[in-house]
């Protein structure tokens, strides 16, 4: 059985492992109610709608 002659350094090990752990791009979808980009399966923070129903009441902005 093959046995390494020298210890593999932390830098070499981490460099090799970093090639497989790239950060994935965040997926965004468009809210069908207000057309804002949101995370999938999450209540829209702008309009408060999820799956076509209002689940969070939004406060009315005071207009001057």
C-alpha atoms as a PDB file:
ATOM      1  CA  UNK A   1       0.000   0.000   0.000  1.00  0.00           C
ATOM      2  CA  UNK A   2       1.317   3.440  -0.881  1.00  0.00           C
ATOM      3  CA  UNK A   3       2.203   5.698   2.029  1.00  0.00           C
ATOM      4  CA  UNK A   4       3.183   9.384   1.638  1.00  0.00           C
ATOM      5  CA  UNK A   5       6.807  10.149   2.556  1.00  0.00           C
ATOM      6  CA  UNK A   6       6.078  13.665   3.844  1.00  0.00           C
ATOM      7  CA  UNK A   7       3.190  15.361   5.630  1.00  0.00           C
ATOM      8  CA  UNK A   8       0.915  17.391   3.354  1.00  0.00           C
ATOM      9  CA  UNK A   9       0.941  21.023   4.471  1.00  0.00           C
ATOM     10  CA  UNK A  10      -2.220  22.889   5.490  1.00  0.00           C
ATOM     11  CA  UNK A  11      -1.812  25.320   2.584  1.00  0.00           C
ATOM     12  CA  UNK A  12      -1.598  22.520   0.016  1.00  0.00           C
ATOM     13  CA  UNK A  13      -4.580  20.687   1.523  1.00  0.00           C
ATOM     14  CA  UNK A  14      -6.721  23.818   1.729  1.00  0.00           C
ATOM     15  CA  UNK A  15      -5.796  24.881  -1.818  1.00  0.00           C
ATOM     16  CA  UNK A  16      -6.873  21.485  -3.122  1.00  0.00           C
ATOM     17  CA  UNK A  17     -10.136  21.511  -1.120  1.00  0.00           C
ATOM     18  CA  UNK A  18     -11.032  25.101  -2.054  1.00  0.00           C
ATOM     19  CA  UNK A  19     -11.543  24.113  -5.698  1.00  0.00           C
ATOM     20  CA  UNK A  20     -14.661  22.159  -4.695  1.00  0.00           C
ATOM     21  CA  UNK A  21     -16.211  24.736  -2.359  1.00  0.00           C
ATOM     22  CA  UNK A  22     -17.044  27.687  -4.591  1.00  0.00           C
ATOM     23  CA  UNK A  23     -19.893  29.915  -3.388  1.00  0.00           C
ATOM     24  CA  UNK A  24     -23.094  29.463  -5.378  1.00  0.00           C
ATOM     25  CA  UNK A  25     -24.937  32.450  -6.791  1.00  0.00           C
ATOM     26  CA  UNK A  26     -28.126  33.385  -4.916  1.00  0.00           C
ATOM     27  CA  UNK A  27     -31.334  32.509  -6.795  1.00  0.00           C
ATOM     28  CA  UNK A  28     -33.865  35.335  -7.004  1.00  0.00           C
ATOM     29  CA  UNK A  29     -37.429  35.294  -8.317  1.00  0.00           C
ATOM     30  CA  UNK A  30     -39.835  38.113  -9.182  1.00  0.00           C
ATOM     31  CA  UNK A  31     -42.747  38.767  -6.821  1.00  0.00           C
ATOM     32  CA  UNK A  32     -45.912  38.408  -8.925  1.00  0.00           C
ATOM     33  CA  UNK A  33     -47.702  41.108  -6.908  1.00  0.00           C
ATOM     34  CA  UNK A  34     -45.191  43.993  -6.779  1.00  0.00           C
ATOM     35  CA  UNK A  35     -42.522  42.804  -9.290  1.00  0.00           C
ATOM     36  CA  UNK A  36     -39.743  43.067  -6.667  1.00  0.00           C
ATOM     37  CA  UNK A  37     -36.928  40.494  -6.664  1.00  0.00           C
ATOM     38  CA  UNK A  38     -37.136  38.189  -3.620  1.00  0.00           C
ATOM     39  CA  UNK A  39     -35.791  34.845  -2.421  1.00  0.00           C
ATOM     40  CA  UNK A  40     -37.961  31.883  -3.448  1.00  0.00           C
ATOM     41  CA  UNK A  41     -40.477  30.538  -0.875  1.00  0.00           C
ATOM     42  CA  UNK A  42     -40.194  33.693   1.258  1.00  0.00           C
ATOM     43  CA  UNK A  43     -42.770  36.385   2.065  1.00  0.00           C
ATOM     44  CA  UNK A  44     -42.131  39.555   0.044  1.00  0.00           C
ATOM     45  CA  UNK A  45     -40.785  42.232   2.396  1.00  0.00           C
ATOM     46  CA  UNK A  46     -42.140  45.055   0.220  1.00  0.00           C
ATOM     47  CA  UNK A  47     -45.788  44.029  -0.223  1.00  0.00           C
ATOM     48  CA  UNK A  48     -46.229  41.221   2.351  1.00  0.00           C
ATOM     49  CA  UNK A  49     -47.678  38.686  -0.112  1.00  0.00           C
ATOM     50  CA  UNK A  50     -46.851  34.978  -0.322  1.00  0.00           C
ATOM     51  CA  UNK A  51     -48.434  32.510  -2.745  1.00  0.00           C
ATOM     52  CA  UNK A  52     -51.003  35.091  -3.874  1.00  0.00           C
ATOM     53  CA  UNK A  53     -52.240  35.893  -0.340  1.00  0.00           C
ATOM     54  CA  UNK A  54     -51.410  38.777   1.979  1.00  0.00           C
ATOM     55  CA  UNK A  55     -49.815  37.229   5.050  1.00  0.00           C
ATOM     56  CA  UNK A  56     -48.136  40.311   6.546  1.00  0.00           C
ATOM     57  CA  UNK A  57     -49.942  43.627   6.867  1.00  0.00           C
ATOM     58  CA  UNK A  58     -47.790  46.493   5.650  1.00  0.00           C
ATOM     59  CA  UNK A  59     -47.967  49.917   7.304  1.00  0.00           C
ATOM     60  CA  UNK A  60     -49.050  52.714   4.997  1.00  0.00           C
ATOM     61  CA  UNK A  61     -46.261  55.173   4.299  1.00  0.00           C
ATOM     62  CA  UNK A  62     -47.072  58.700   5.383  1.00  0.00           C
ATOM     63  CA  UNK A  63     -46.972  60.961   2.348  1.00  0.00           C
ATOM     64  CA  UNK A  64     -46.305  64.651   2.855  1.00  0.00           C
END
